[in-house]
Amino acid sequence: MKKNMGSADKIIRLVIAAIIVILYMTNVISGTLGIILLILAGIFVLTSIINFCPLYTIFGLKTCKEKLEQ
């Protein structure tokens, strides 16, 4: 797996995941929607940790900076 996520993208995903967890813990969201959003938050955290998003590969996106080889 090649890295395809930039640092700004990782931070945004982690912030969204944290907001979802906080909303779930304070019972603002619950039930089936809450479980689905928690799963999404887990995916956001996982993809942020490994610096790779499978959907980016499918759509040909890459938000990380290219390293120049000399």
C-alpha atoms as a PDB file:
ATOM      1  CA  MET A   1       0.000   0.000   0.000  1.00  0.00           C
ATOM      2  CA  LYS A   2       1.359   3.333  -1.007  1.00  0.00           C
ATOM      3  CA  LYS A   3       0.590   6.374   1.095  1.00  0.00           C
ATOM      4  CA  ASN A   4      -2.188   8.441  -0.514  1.00  0.00           C
ATOM      5  CA  MET A   5      -3.400  10.713   2.314  1.00  0.00           C
ATOM      6  CA  GLY A   6      -1.945  14.070   3.298  1.00  0.00           C
ATOM      7  CA  SER A   7      -1.656  15.426   6.819  1.00  0.00           C
ATOM      8  CA  ALA A   8      -4.580  17.850   6.458  1.00  0.00           C
ATOM      9  CA  ASP A   9      -6.817  14.995   5.319  1.00  0.00           C
ATOM     10  CA  LYS A  10      -5.743  12.874   8.299  1.00  0.00           C
ATOM     11  CA  ILE A  11      -6.461  15.672  10.775  1.00  0.00           C
ATOM     12  CA  ILE A  12      -9.910  16.314   9.294  1.00  0.00           C
ATOM     13  CA  ARG A  13     -10.787  12.613   9.518  1.00  0.00           C
ATOM     14  CA  LEU A  14      -9.603  12.361  13.124  1.00  0.00           C
ATOM     15  CA  VAL A  15     -11.600  15.460  14.127  1.00  0.00           C
ATOM     16  CA  ILE A  16     -14.754  14.089  12.472  1.00  0.00           C
ATOM     17  CA  ALA A  17     -14.239  10.720  14.197  1.00  0.00           C
ATOM     18  CA  ALA A  18     -13.809  12.442  17.581  1.00  0.00           C
ATOM     19  CA  ILE A  19     -16.988  14.481  17.064  1.00  0.00           C
ATOM     20  CA  ILE A  20     -18.952  11.341  16.178  1.00  0.00           C
ATOM     21  CA  VAL A  21     -17.699   9.533  19.301  1.00  0.00           C
ATOM     22  CA  ILE A  22     -18.526  12.512  21.528  1.00  0.00           C
ATOM     23  CA  LEU A  23     -22.028  12.795  20.044  1.00  0.00           C
ATOM     24  CA  TYR A  24     -22.600   9.077  20.597  1.00  0.00           C
ATOM     25  CA  MET A  25     -21.336   9.144  24.180  1.00  0.00           C
ATOM     26  CA  THR A  26     -23.594  12.094  25.042  1.00  0.00           C
ATOM     27  CA  ASN A  27     -26.606  10.323  23.467  1.00  0.00           C
ATOM     28  CA  VAL A  28     -27.110  13.005  20.818  1.00  0.00           C
ATOM     29  CA  ILE A  29     -26.993  10.214  18.249  1.00  0.00           C
ATOM     30  CA  SER A  30     -28.099   6.687  19.101  1.00  0.00           C
ATOM     31  CA  GLY A  31     -29.600   3.525  17.723  1.00  0.00           C
ATOM     32  CA  THR A  32     -28.772   2.208  14.277  1.00  0.00           C
ATOM     33  CA  LEU A  33     -27.561   5.587  13.037  1.00  0.00           C
ATOM     34  CA  GLY A  34     -25.213   5.828  16.008  1.00  0.00           C
ATOM     35  CA  ILE A  35     -23.724   2.387  15.341  1.00  0.00           C
ATOM     36  CA  ILE A  36     -23.247   3.155  11.640  1.00  0.00           C
ATOM     37  CA  LEU A  37     -21.549   6.464  12.450  1.00  0.00           C
ATOM     38  CA  LEU A  38     -19.282   4.765  15.018  1.00  0.00           C
ATOM     39  CA  ILE A  39     -18.211   2.257  12.378  1.00  0.00           C
ATOM     40  CA  LEU A  40     -17.516   5.140  10.003  1.00  0.00           C
ATOM     41  CA  ALA A  41     -15.496   6.876  12.731  1.00  0.00           C
ATOM     42  CA  GLY A  42     -13.468   3.695  13.217  1.00  0.00           C
ATOM     43  CA  ILE A  43     -12.758   3.535   9.492  1.00  0.00           C
ATOM     44  CA  PHE A  44     -11.675   7.192   9.541  1.00  0.00           C
ATOM     45  CA  VAL A  45      -9.256   6.517  12.410  1.00  0.00           C
ATOM     46  CA  LEU A  46      -7.864   3.379  10.768  1.00  0.00           C
ATOM     47  CA  THR A  47      -7.282   5.057   7.414  1.00  0.00           C
ATOM     48  CA  SER A  48      -5.654   8.018   9.166  1.00  0.00           C
ATOM     49  CA  ILE A  49      -3.252   5.736  11.022  1.00  0.00           C
ATOM     50  CA  ILE A  50      -2.181   3.766   7.943  1.00  0.00           C
ATOM     51  CA  ASN A  51      -2.164   6.827   5.620  1.00  0.00           C
ATOM     52  CA  PHE A  52      -4.140   4.959   2.986  1.00  0.00           C
ATOM     53  CA  CYS A  53      -7.724   5.295   1.768  1.00  0.00           C
ATOM     54  CA  PRO A  54      -8.994   2.565  -0.584  1.00  0.00           C
ATOM     55  CA  LEU A  55     -11.621   4.909  -2.069  1.00  0.00           C
ATOM     56  CA  TYR A  56      -8.870   7.325  -3.100  1.00  0.00           C
ATOM     57  CA  THR A  57      -7.307   4.513  -5.130  1.00  0.00           C
ATOM     58  CA  ILE A  58     -10.602   3.749  -6.866  1.00  0.00           C
ATOM     59  CA  PHE A  59     -11.152   7.405  -7.788  1.00  0.00           C
ATOM     60  CA  GLY A  60      -7.481   8.123  -8.513  1.00  0.00           C
ATOM     61  CA  LEU A  61      -7.087  10.719  -5.752  1.00  0.00           C
ATOM     62  CA  LYS A  62      -3.926  11.444  -3.794  1.00  0.00           C
ATOM     63  CA  THR A  63      -3.670  14.180  -1.159  1.00  0.00           C
ATOM     64  CA  CYS A  64      -0.128  13.547   0.069  1.00  0.00           C
ATOM     65  CA  LYS A  65       2.881  15.444  -1.181  1.00  0.00           C
ATOM     66  CA  GLU A  66       5.156  13.752  -3.671  1.00  0.00           C
ATOM     67  CA  LYS A  67       8.743  13.152  -2.622  1.00  0.00           C
ATOM     68  CA  LEU A  68      11.247  14.335  -5.178  1.00  0.00           C
ATOM     69  CA  GLU A  69      13.827  11.723  -6.079  1.00  0.00           C
ATOM     70  CA  GLN A  70      17.311  12.938  -6.902  1.00  0.00           C
END
